[in-house]
């Protein structure tokens, strides 16, 4: 029986080829595989030189950031070293130079007083090996910082002795420890101040083992209040200048000359570091005047109106100063050679930047503002010169305002200016970013104009296109809230710190709690 023939099978269709993605991209297609090793990049002469100058850790960290951008395709592999070199900081310190255009001469957040060129040169010279405690003539040990002490006493002839410690608070702490530990310090209630960041004078004094004997009231203290409190347990009477607030209205206080009649040591804290009277600040006490009035010891800060480095100054009767200098705590509070060098150069050198800013003529400030605004308008920046007001700040001359001039820019310029190189810090009022020129040295105007162009000019991708002209007077922001007085809005940029409101009768008004708080 024949079998049915097997039907021919249709030829099988060719299998479709489905491409499988390569799980391991080739070196040619993945830029991450083409990145040179870190050690190879660090061997580049440009980065090797940076390592010598800044340190391997810092350079490597910057390089790692650029490498990540290269892996993401944001930076070409061939440009890694160049981008890393461009991103390196000028120094190994994270501190950045800032142009202080806030209108606050002594801005606590900006380090208070900028040093003079003479002080900076002296500081750099002292950074090496120096004769800070050596008499090169005899080869014997000498008093530490003797030249700075001599310069201080030359500036304040009424002082029989002088000593320098870390800051103003340290000066008061040393005086309280050496003269009143286990005893009483008699002080007016109206002078128990808070000196910034929640740091209160009563807490500082009591931490030394002294006991406070408070007299009088917030707004009125009489001589009889002190006289009734002084006794065998009294270490000294403390007179504190309220350097960051004012009390007005129904007030009374007792001066140093009257306190000297009590027959006990009088320690007077002037805070601001003014060594002699300044006609622009008639209500600001100075060391020379209070010593002549009868104070046995005056304490002050070096980095405020004196215009020097941060330090605490003690001036007064020779016996008291020697007693403080020999106290064990004095060793813990002493300053280094750099501070001593900068202090001496400040005292013996030319006028400080703080003095120049304080005494700058309003007419010259206005001319500078007009010139800068014109240059910026030519670059397409909405800018104009305006009248402004500056303040001392840093816990000095509360309530005193100084006529000034500013360059007015769009408020949107505030943030890019802070992030620029150099950083520029202004203040925002009535929807405008103001660059007050009183604290800006005149030789910094060119750099300031360049910084504004980089941050705000249209070609730089900034904001502020326009040709604003004309003059107007700016009203400062609300002193307590920092809000714009015209719109009620919170400030866009930096709120003016260290600005002091005038209190109503018999009311104590502290310096507003802005980013800056005055301290000693």
Protein backbone atom coordinates (compact mmCIF):
# COMPACT_ATOMS: atom_id res chain seq x y z
CA UNK A 1 0.00 0.00 0.00
CA UNK A 2 1.42 3.25 -1.11
CA UNK A 3 1.81 5.86 1.42
CA UNK A 4 0.61 9.34 0.75
CA UNK A 5 3.51 11.50 -0.20
CA UNK A 6 4.75 13.80 2.55
CA UNK A 7 3.88 17.34 1.58
CA UNK A 8 6.80 19.63 1.03
CA UNK A 9 7.50 21.86 4.03
CA UNK A 10 7.66 25.58 3.52
CA UNK A 11 11.14 26.94 3.99
CA UNK A 12 11.62 28.36 7.46
CA UNK A 13 11.53 32.13 7.65
CA UNK A 14 14.83 33.68 8.64
CA UNK A 15 14.98 34.61 12.31
CA UNK A 16 14.66 38.32 13.00
CA UNK A 17 17.79 39.82 14.50
CA UNK A 18 17.01 41.76 17.68
CA UNK A 19 19.97 43.92 18.71
CA UNK A 20 20.94 43.45 22.32
CA UNK A 21 22.24 46.58 24.02
CA UNK A 22 25.87 46.36 24.91
CA UNK A 23 26.03 46.18 28.71
CA UNK A 24 29.60 47.39 28.60
CA UNK A 25 29.99 50.44 26.38
CA UNK A 26 33.18 50.60 24.51
CA UNK A 27 35.96 52.87 25.58
CA UNK A 28 35.43 54.89 22.44
CA UNK A 29 31.76 55.67 23.25
CA UNK A 30 31.92 56.30 27.04
CA UNK A 31 33.77 59.43 28.10
CA UNK A 32 34.07 58.04 31.64
CA UNK A 33 36.43 55.37 30.30
CA UNK A 34 38.60 58.07 28.72
CA UNK A 35 39.18 60.12 31.90
CA UNK A 36 42.83 60.16 32.92
CA UNK A 37 43.60 58.87 36.39
CA UNK A 38 43.62 61.42 39.19
CA UNK A 39 47.33 60.93 39.86
CA UNK A 40 48.07 61.57 36.20
CA UNK A 41 46.07 64.81 36.28
CA UNK A 42 47.74 65.94 39.50
CA UNK A 43 51.12 65.46 37.83
CA UNK A 44 50.28 68.19 35.32
CA UNK A 45 52.68 71.08 36.04
CA UNK A 46 49.81 73.51 36.57
CA UNK A 47 48.14 71.36 39.22
CA UNK A 48 51.46 70.30 40.72
CA UNK A 49 52.28 73.98 41.30
CA UNK A 50 48.86 74.46 42.88
CA UNK A 51 49.51 71.55 45.24
CA UNK A 52 52.69 73.26 46.41
CA UNK A 53 50.77 76.48 47.03
CA UNK A 54 47.42 75.23 48.36
CA UNK A 55 47.96 71.65 49.52
CA UNK A 56 47.13 68.31 47.91
CA UNK A 57 43.79 67.80 49.68
CA UNK A 58 42.28 71.08 48.51
CA UNK A 59 43.48 70.70 44.92
CA UNK A 60 42.31 67.09 44.76
CA UNK A 61 38.85 68.05 46.02
CA UNK A 62 38.48 70.74 43.35
CA UNK A 63 39.75 68.34 40.70
CA UNK A 64 37.23 65.70 41.77
CA UNK A 65 34.40 68.15 41.21
CA UNK A 66 35.58 68.89 37.68
CA UNK A 67 36.00 65.17 36.99
CA UNK A 68 32.37 64.58 37.96
CA UNK A 69 31.30 67.24 35.49
CA UNK A 70 33.42 65.56 32.82
CA UNK A 71 31.76 62.21 33.52
CA UNK A 72 28.40 63.91 33.03
CA UNK A 73 29.58 65.27 29.70
CA UNK A 74 29.55 68.89 30.89
CA UNK A 75 33.29 69.37 30.54
CA UNK A 76 35.48 68.00 27.73
CA UNK A 77 38.15 65.59 28.87
CA UNK A 78 40.81 67.77 27.32
CA UNK A 79 39.68 70.72 29.46
CA UNK A 80 39.70 69.06 32.90
CA UNK A 81 43.00 70.50 34.07
CA UNK A 82 42.23 73.96 32.73
CA UNK A 83 38.81 74.02 34.44
CA UNK A 84 40.30 72.75 37.70
CA UNK A 85 42.99 75.44 37.71
CA UNK A 86 40.35 78.10 37.07
CA UNK A 87 38.23 76.79 39.95
CA UNK A 88 41.04 76.86 42.53
CA UNK A 89 40.77 79.48 45.29
CA UNK A 90 43.37 82.20 45.67
CA UNK A 91 44.43 80.91 49.09
CA UNK A 92 44.07 77.77 51.17
CA UNK A 93 41.63 79.56 53.49
CA UNK A 94 37.89 79.40 52.93
CA UNK A 95 37.54 83.06 53.92
CA UNK A 96 36.71 85.22 50.90
CA UNK A 97 37.36 88.93 50.38
CA UNK A 98 34.18 91.01 50.52
CA UNK A 99 33.56 94.60 49.46
CA UNK A 100 31.59 96.17 52.31
CA UNK A 101 28.96 98.32 50.60
CA UNK A 102 26.37 97.95 53.37
CA UNK A 103 26.81 101.41 54.84
CA UNK A 104 27.88 99.80 58.14
CA UNK A 105 31.45 100.88 58.81
CA UNK A 106 32.20 98.17 61.40
CA UNK A 107 30.28 95.16 60.12
CA UNK A 108 30.57 92.34 62.65
CA UNK A 109 29.81 89.60 60.10
CA UNK A 110 32.56 90.99 57.86
CA UNK A 111 35.21 91.00 60.58
CA UNK A 112 34.71 94.59 61.74
CA UNK A 113 37.67 96.90 61.08
CA UNK A 114 39.64 96.35 57.85
CA UNK A 115 43.35 96.67 58.58
CA UNK A 116 45.47 99.45 57.14
CA UNK A 117 48.15 98.68 54.57
CA UNK A 118 50.76 99.29 57.27
CA UNK A 119 49.11 96.76 59.59
CA UNK A 120 48.84 94.16 56.82
CA UNK A 121 52.50 94.59 55.95
CA UNK A 122 53.49 94.26 59.61
CA UNK A 123 51.36 91.15 60.00
CA UNK A 124 52.97 89.52 56.98
CA UNK A 125 56.45 90.40 58.21
CA UNK A 126 55.72 88.93 61.64
CA UNK A 127 54.42 85.68 60.15
CA UNK A 128 57.96 84.31 60.13
CA UNK A 129 60.37 84.02 63.04
CA UNK A 130 60.42 87.25 65.07
CA UNK A 131 61.84 88.74 68.26
CA UNK A 132 58.42 88.79 69.96
CA UNK A 133 59.95 87.81 73.35
CA UNK A 134 63.65 88.43 72.77
CA UNK A 135 65.96 91.41 73.17
CA UNK A 136 68.33 91.05 70.23
CA UNK A 137 70.74 93.53 71.83
CA UNK A 138 71.33 91.51 74.99
CA UNK A 139 70.27 88.10 73.76
CA UNK A 140 67.99 87.80 76.80
CA UNK A 141 64.27 87.20 77.10
CA UNK A 142 62.18 90.38 76.90
CA UNK A 143 58.60 91.38 77.67
CA UNK A 144 56.21 89.98 75.12
CA UNK A 145 54.79 92.63 72.80
CA UNK A 146 56.72 95.45 74.46
CA UNK A 147 56.71 97.61 71.31
CA UNK A 148 52.93 97.38 70.92
CA UNK A 149 52.47 98.24 74.61
CA UNK A 150 54.75 101.27 74.24
CA UNK A 151 52.82 102.42 71.17
CA UNK A 152 49.54 102.08 73.06
CA UNK A 153 50.78 104.16 75.98
CA UNK A 154 52.14 106.80 73.60
CA UNK A 155 48.63 107.18 72.18
CA UNK A 156 47.09 107.37 75.68
CA UNK A 157 49.54 109.30 77.89
CA UNK A 158 47.06 109.23 80.79
CA UNK A 159 47.65 105.47 81.13
CA UNK A 160 50.43 104.38 83.49
CA UNK A 161 50.30 100.84 82.14
CA UNK A 162 48.75 98.78 79.35
CA UNK A 163 48.06 95.14 78.60
CA UNK A 164 46.59 93.34 75.57
CA UNK A 165 44.38 90.23 75.53
CA UNK A 166 42.27 88.37 72.96
CA UNK A 167 39.20 90.63 72.79
CA UNK A 168 37.11 93.09 74.78
CA UNK A 169 35.21 90.40 76.65
CA UNK A 170 38.52 88.81 77.67
CA UNK A 171 39.69 92.15 79.05
CA UNK A 172 36.62 92.39 81.29
CA UNK A 173 36.92 88.74 82.32
CA UNK A 174 40.55 89.23 83.35
CA UNK A 175 39.71 92.36 85.35
CA UNK A 176 36.82 90.64 87.13
CA UNK A 177 38.86 87.52 87.91
CA UNK A 178 41.92 89.36 89.19
CA UNK A 179 40.14 92.12 91.11
CA UNK A 180 36.77 90.76 92.21
CA UNK A 181 36.77 86.95 92.39
CA UNK A 182 34.70 86.08 95.48
CA UNK A 183 33.79 89.75 95.90
CA UNK A 184 31.18 92.14 94.55
CA UNK A 185 31.09 94.17 91.36
CA UNK A 186 28.76 97.15 91.75
CA UNK A 187 27.06 98.01 88.45
CA UNK A 188 23.98 99.89 87.27
CA UNK A 189 21.06 97.78 86.04
CA UNK A 190 20.89 99.99 82.96
CA UNK A 191 24.40 98.91 81.97
CA UNK A 192 24.01 95.13 82.15
CA UNK A 193 24.11 94.75 78.40
CA UNK A 194 23.87 91.86 75.97
CA UNK A 195 26.81 92.10 73.60
CA UNK A 196 25.69 89.87 70.75
CA UNK A 197 24.61 86.33 69.89
CA UNK A 198 22.90 85.94 73.27
CA UNK A 199 26.16 86.72 75.08
CA UNK A 200 25.28 88.70 78.21
CA UNK A 201 27.63 90.75 80.34
CA UNK A 202 26.18 89.54 83.68
CA UNK A 203 26.81 85.91 82.68
CA UNK A 204 30.40 86.71 81.72
CA UNK A 205 31.14 88.52 84.98
CA UNK A 206 29.52 85.90 87.20
CA UNK A 207 31.46 83.13 85.43
CA UNK A 208 34.64 84.64 86.90
CA UNK A 209 33.49 83.97 90.46
CA UNK A 210 32.51 87.58 91.12
CA UNK A 211 29.10 88.54 92.52
CA UNK A 212 27.07 91.30 90.91
CA UNK A 213 25.56 94.01 93.09
CA UNK A 214 23.02 95.68 90.85
CA UNK A 215 21.96 99.24 91.63
CA UNK A 216 19.46 101.73 90.22
CA UNK A 217 16.93 101.01 87.49
CA UNK A 218 16.97 100.54 83.74
CA UNK A 219 16.61 104.25 82.99
CA UNK A 220 17.81 106.01 86.15
CA UNK A 221 20.73 105.42 88.50
CA UNK A 222 21.93 107.97 91.08
CA UNK A 223 25.19 108.46 92.96
CA UNK A 224 23.40 107.48 96.18
CA UNK A 225 22.60 104.07 94.68
CA UNK A 226 26.30 103.34 94.24
CA UNK A 227 27.29 104.84 97.59
CA UNK A 228 24.84 102.67 99.51
CA UNK A 229 26.09 99.51 97.77
CA UNK A 230 29.85 100.04 98.21
CA UNK A 231 31.42 98.29 101.19
CA UNK A 232 34.14 95.89 102.36
CA UNK A 233 32.96 93.25 99.86
CA UNK A 234 33.33 95.55 96.86
CA UNK A 235 35.98 94.51 94.35
CA UNK A 236 35.33 97.43 92.04
CA UNK A 237 32.60 99.62 90.57
CA UNK A 238 31.93 98.91 86.90
CA UNK A 239 30.93 101.62 84.43
CA UNK A 240 29.77 100.23 81.08
CA UNK A 241 29.10 102.36 78.03
CA UNK A 242 25.94 100.97 76.34
CA UNK A 243 27.55 100.81 72.93
CA UNK A 244 24.78 99.01 71.05
CA UNK A 245 21.60 100.73 72.27
CA UNK A 246 20.31 104.04 73.61
CA UNK A 247 17.91 104.92 76.41
CA UNK A 248 16.14 108.24 75.94
CA UNK A 249 13.53 110.17 77.88
CA UNK A 250 13.42 110.23 81.69
CA UNK A 251 16.99 109.12 82.34
CA UNK A 252 19.99 109.78 84.56
CA UNK A 253 23.40 108.18 85.01
CA UNK A 254 26.52 108.72 87.08
CA UNK A 255 29.72 109.73 85.34
CA UNK A 256 33.20 108.36 85.93
CA UNK A 257 34.35 111.48 87.80
CA UNK A 258 31.62 111.03 90.41
CA UNK A 259 32.22 107.28 90.70
CA UNK A 260 35.89 107.99 91.46
CA UNK A 261 34.76 109.70 94.67
CA UNK A 262 33.52 106.39 96.09
CA UNK A 263 37.00 105.36 97.24
CA UNK A 264 37.05 101.98 95.45
CA UNK A 265 38.58 101.04 92.07
CA UNK A 266 36.54 102.10 89.05
CA UNK A 267 36.72 99.88 85.96
CA UNK A 268 35.23 101.52 82.86
CA UNK A 269 34.40 99.65 79.66
CA UNK A 270 34.19 101.94 76.63
CA UNK A 271 33.73 99.06 74.20
CA UNK A 272 34.39 100.85 70.93
CA UNK A 273 38.16 101.34 71.23
CA UNK A 274 38.18 105.10 70.77
CA UNK A 275 41.44 106.25 72.40
CA UNK A 276 40.92 110.02 72.14
CA UNK A 277 37.91 112.29 71.49
CA UNK A 278 36.53 112.43 67.94
CA UNK A 279 34.54 115.55 67.01
CA UNK A 280 32.19 113.49 64.84
CA UNK A 281 31.25 111.32 67.84
CA UNK A 282 30.80 113.70 70.78
CA UNK A 283 28.77 111.20 72.81
CA UNK A 284 31.20 108.31 72.34
CA UNK A 285 33.52 107.90 75.36
CA UNK A 286 37.25 107.53 74.84
CA UNK A 287 40.00 105.98 76.94
CA UNK A 288 41.99 109.16 77.54
CA UNK A 289 39.01 111.17 78.79
CA UNK A 290 37.75 108.49 81.16
CA UNK A 291 41.21 107.89 82.60
CA UNK A 292 41.66 111.61 83.25
CA UNK A 293 38.20 111.66 84.84
CA UNK A 294 39.36 109.14 87.43
CA UNK A 295 38.87 105.63 86.06
CA UNK A 296 41.47 103.23 87.48
CA UNK A 297 41.18 100.85 84.53
CA UNK A 298 39.66 101.22 81.06
CA UNK A 299 38.86 98.25 78.82
CA UNK A 300 38.21 98.49 75.08
CA UNK A 301 38.27 96.58 71.79
CA UNK A 302 41.02 96.98 69.21
CA UNK A 303 39.00 96.12 66.09
CA UNK A 304 36.34 98.81 66.28
CA UNK A 305 36.92 102.57 66.10
CA UNK A 306 40.64 102.08 66.72
CA UNK A 307 40.69 100.27 63.36
CA UNK A 308 43.11 97.51 64.35
CA UNK A 309 43.06 93.73 64.83
CA UNK A 310 40.68 91.98 67.20
CA UNK A 311 42.07 92.31 70.71
CA UNK A 312 41.15 93.58 74.15
CA UNK A 313 42.92 96.62 75.59
CA UNK A 314 43.45 97.32 79.29
CA UNK A 315 44.82 100.75 80.22
CA UNK A 316 45.15 102.43 83.58
CA UNK A 317 46.98 102.54 86.87
CA UNK A 318 50.36 100.86 86.69
CA UNK A 319 49.86 98.74 89.81
CA UNK A 320 46.50 97.40 88.61
CA UNK A 321 47.77 96.61 85.11
CA UNK A 322 50.80 94.74 86.51
CA UNK A 323 48.48 92.78 88.78
CA UNK A 324 46.36 91.74 85.81
CA UNK A 325 49.38 90.86 83.65
CA UNK A 326 50.77 88.57 86.37
CA UNK A 327 47.48 86.73 86.92
CA UNK A 328 47.49 83.09 85.72
CA UNK A 329 44.47 83.77 83.50
CA UNK A 330 46.48 86.35 81.56
CA UNK A 331 48.50 83.54 79.95
CA UNK A 332 45.34 81.90 78.62
CA UNK A 333 44.08 85.19 77.19
CA UNK A 334 47.29 86.51 75.64
CA UNK A 335 47.52 87.43 71.97
CA UNK A 336 49.87 86.09 69.33
CA UNK A 337 52.70 87.85 67.50
CA UNK A 338 50.51 88.61 64.47
CA UNK A 339 48.02 90.56 66.56
CA UNK A 340 50.79 92.45 68.33
CA UNK A 341 52.43 93.38 65.03
CA UNK A 342 49.17 94.58 63.47
CA UNK A 343 48.23 96.51 66.62
CA UNK A 344 51.55 98.35 66.78
CA UNK A 345 51.38 99.28 63.09
CA UNK A 346 47.81 100.50 63.57
CA UNK A 347 48.84 102.71 66.48
CA UNK A 348 51.99 104.11 64.86
CA UNK A 349 51.02 104.02 61.21
CA UNK A 350 48.92 106.33 59.01
CA UNK A 351 45.18 106.89 59.36
CA UNK A 352 43.22 103.64 59.28
CA UNK A 353 40.52 102.72 56.74
CA UNK A 354 37.95 103.12 59.54
CA UNK A 355 39.11 106.68 60.17
CA UNK A 356 39.03 107.44 56.45
CA UNK A 357 35.50 106.04 56.11
CA UNK A 358 34.27 107.91 59.18
CA UNK A 359 35.64 111.26 57.97
CA UNK A 360 34.89 110.94 54.24
CA UNK A 361 33.18 114.04 52.86
CA UNK A 362 29.57 113.58 51.67
CA UNK A 363 30.30 115.61 48.53
CA UNK A 364 33.13 113.34 47.51
CA UNK A 365 31.02 110.25 48.19
CA UNK A 366 28.27 111.65 45.97
CA UNK A 367 30.73 112.38 43.16
CA UNK A 368 32.03 108.81 43.32
CA UNK A 369 28.49 107.42 43.21
CA UNK A 370 27.61 109.58 40.18
CA UNK A 371 30.75 108.47 38.35
CA UNK A 372 30.18 104.77 39.09
CA UNK A 373 26.51 104.94 38.12
CA UNK A 374 27.36 106.59 34.79
CA UNK A 375 29.94 103.92 33.96
CA UNK A 376 27.48 101.17 34.81
CA UNK A 377 24.67 102.72 32.75
CA UNK A 378 27.06 102.76 29.80
CA UNK A 379 27.41 98.99 30.29
CA UNK A 380 23.62 98.54 30.25
CA UNK A 381 23.10 98.30 34.00
CA UNK A 382 20.10 100.04 35.56
CA UNK A 383 22.03 102.22 38.01
CA UNK A 384 21.77 105.66 39.55
CA UNK A 385 23.37 107.64 42.35
CA UNK A 386 21.22 108.17 45.43
CA UNK A 387 21.55 109.75 48.84
CA UNK A 388 22.06 107.30 51.68
CA UNK A 389 22.81 107.08 55.38
CA UNK A 390 25.62 105.08 56.97
CA UNK A 391 26.11 103.97 60.57
CA UNK A 392 29.10 103.01 62.69
CA UNK A 393 27.96 99.48 63.60
CA UNK A 394 30.03 96.97 65.55
CA UNK A 395 28.74 98.19 68.90
CA UNK A 396 29.81 101.80 68.47
CA UNK A 397 28.03 105.18 68.47
CA UNK A 398 24.43 103.89 68.63
CA UNK A 399 21.92 106.19 66.98
CA UNK A 400 24.56 108.12 65.03
CA UNK A 401 24.00 108.32 61.28
CA UNK A 402 26.41 109.66 58.69
CA UNK A 403 25.32 111.23 55.38
CA UNK A 404 26.48 109.06 52.52
CA UNK A 405 25.88 108.19 48.89
CA UNK A 406 25.12 104.91 47.17
CA UNK A 407 24.78 103.32 43.76
CA UNK A 408 21.22 102.03 43.35
CA UNK A 409 20.75 98.80 41.38
CA UNK A 410 17.86 96.38 40.84
CA UNK A 411 17.26 94.21 43.91
CA UNK A 412 17.90 91.13 41.77
CA UNK A 413 21.58 92.10 41.65
CA UNK A 414 22.06 91.48 45.39
CA UNK A 415 22.46 87.69 45.21
CA UNK A 416 24.85 87.50 42.21
CA UNK A 417 26.94 90.28 43.76
CA UNK A 418 27.35 88.25 46.95
CA UNK A 419 28.43 85.22 44.92
CA UNK A 420 30.89 87.12 42.74
CA UNK A 421 34.65 87.49 42.97
CA UNK A 422 35.19 89.65 44.87
CA UNK A 423 31.95 89.28 46.76
CA UNK A 424 30.04 92.54 47.16
CA UNK A 425 27.62 93.00 50.04
CA UNK A 426 25.08 95.80 49.81
CA UNK A 427 21.64 96.24 51.32
CA UNK A 428 18.13 96.14 49.86
CA UNK A 429 15.77 99.05 50.45
CA UNK A 430 12.52 99.90 48.65
CA UNK A 431 13.09 97.19 46.09
CA UNK A 432 16.58 98.38 45.16
CA UNK A 433 20.04 97.04 45.95
CA UNK A 434 22.10 99.88 47.39
CA UNK A 435 25.89 99.91 47.34
CA UNK A 436 26.80 102.50 49.98
CA UNK A 437 30.27 103.92 49.34
CA UNK A 438 31.22 105.25 52.78
CA UNK A 439 32.93 102.00 53.84
CA UNK A 440 34.31 101.30 50.34
CA UNK A 441 37.85 102.65 49.82
CA UNK A 442 38.06 104.96 46.83
CA UNK A 443 40.80 102.83 45.27
CA UNK A 444 38.31 99.93 45.17
CA UNK A 445 35.87 101.73 42.84
CA UNK A 446 37.29 100.15 39.67
CA UNK A 447 37.01 96.63 41.13
CA UNK A 448 33.50 97.43 42.39
CA UNK A 449 32.37 98.57 38.95
CA UNK A 450 33.78 95.41 37.36
CA UNK A 451 32.02 93.22 39.94
CA UNK A 452 28.69 94.93 39.24
CA UNK A 453 29.11 94.56 35.48
CA UNK A 454 29.89 90.86 35.86
CA UNK A 455 26.86 90.31 38.09
CA UNK A 456 24.28 92.61 36.53
CA UNK A 457 25.16 93.58 32.95
CA UNK A 458 23.10 91.88 30.21
CA UNK A 459 26.25 90.63 28.44
CA UNK A 460 27.17 88.76 31.61
CA UNK A 461 23.78 87.09 31.78
CA UNK A 462 22.85 89.27 34.73
CA UNK A 463 19.82 91.44 35.37
CA UNK A 464 19.35 95.14 35.57
CA UNK A 465 19.00 96.25 31.97
CA UNK A 466 18.05 99.89 31.79
CA UNK A 467 19.23 103.45 31.89
CA UNK A 468 17.93 104.70 35.23
CA UNK A 469 18.69 108.35 35.85
CA UNK A 470 17.79 111.04 38.32
CA UNK A 471 18.13 111.43 42.06
CA UNK A 472 16.04 110.34 44.96
CA UNK A 473 16.48 109.92 48.68
CA UNK A 474 16.31 106.39 50.08
CA UNK A 475 14.45 105.61 53.27
CA UNK A 476 16.16 102.87 55.28
CA UNK A 477 14.48 99.56 56.00
CA UNK A 478 12.50 99.11 59.16
CA UNK A 479 15.14 98.86 61.89
CA UNK A 480 13.55 95.96 63.75
CA UNK A 481 12.08 93.66 61.10
CA UNK A 482 14.30 94.47 58.14
CA UNK A 483 11.21 94.74 55.95
CA UNK A 484 10.96 97.25 53.15
CA UNK A 485 9.12 100.26 54.55
CA UNK A 486 7.44 100.96 51.23
CA UNK A 487 6.19 97.47 50.32
CA UNK A 488 6.21 95.60 53.62
CA UNK A 489 8.16 92.79 51.97
CA UNK A 490 11.07 90.92 53.48
CA UNK A 491 14.46 92.01 52.15
CA UNK A 492 15.74 90.23 49.07
CA UNK A 493 19.40 90.80 49.83
CA UNK A 494 21.37 91.65 52.91
CA UNK A 495 19.46 93.42 55.66
CA UNK A 496 21.38 96.40 57.06
CA UNK A 497 22.90 95.03 60.25
CA UNK A 498 24.15 96.87 63.30
CA UNK A 499 21.64 99.67 62.78
CA UNK A 500 20.14 101.14 65.90
CA UNK A 501 16.62 102.43 66.39
CA UNK A 502 15.95 105.40 68.66
CA UNK A 503 13.78 104.36 71.56
CA UNK A 504 10.76 106.24 72.89
CA UNK A 505 11.02 107.83 76.30
CA UNK A 506 12.57 105.56 78.91
CA UNK A 507 12.50 102.50 76.66
CA UNK A 508 15.61 100.48 75.86
CA UNK A 509 15.86 99.60 72.18
CA UNK A 510 18.54 97.06 71.23
CA UNK A 511 20.33 96.92 67.94
CA UNK A 512 18.05 94.96 65.56
CA UNK A 513 18.59 91.22 65.43
CA UNK A 514 19.84 91.18 61.88
CA UNK A 515 22.58 88.79 60.71
CA UNK A 516 25.05 90.96 62.57
CA UNK A 517 25.12 91.39 66.33
CA UNK A 518 27.62 93.72 67.95
CA UNK A 519 30.05 92.23 70.39
CA UNK A 520 33.17 92.93 72.37
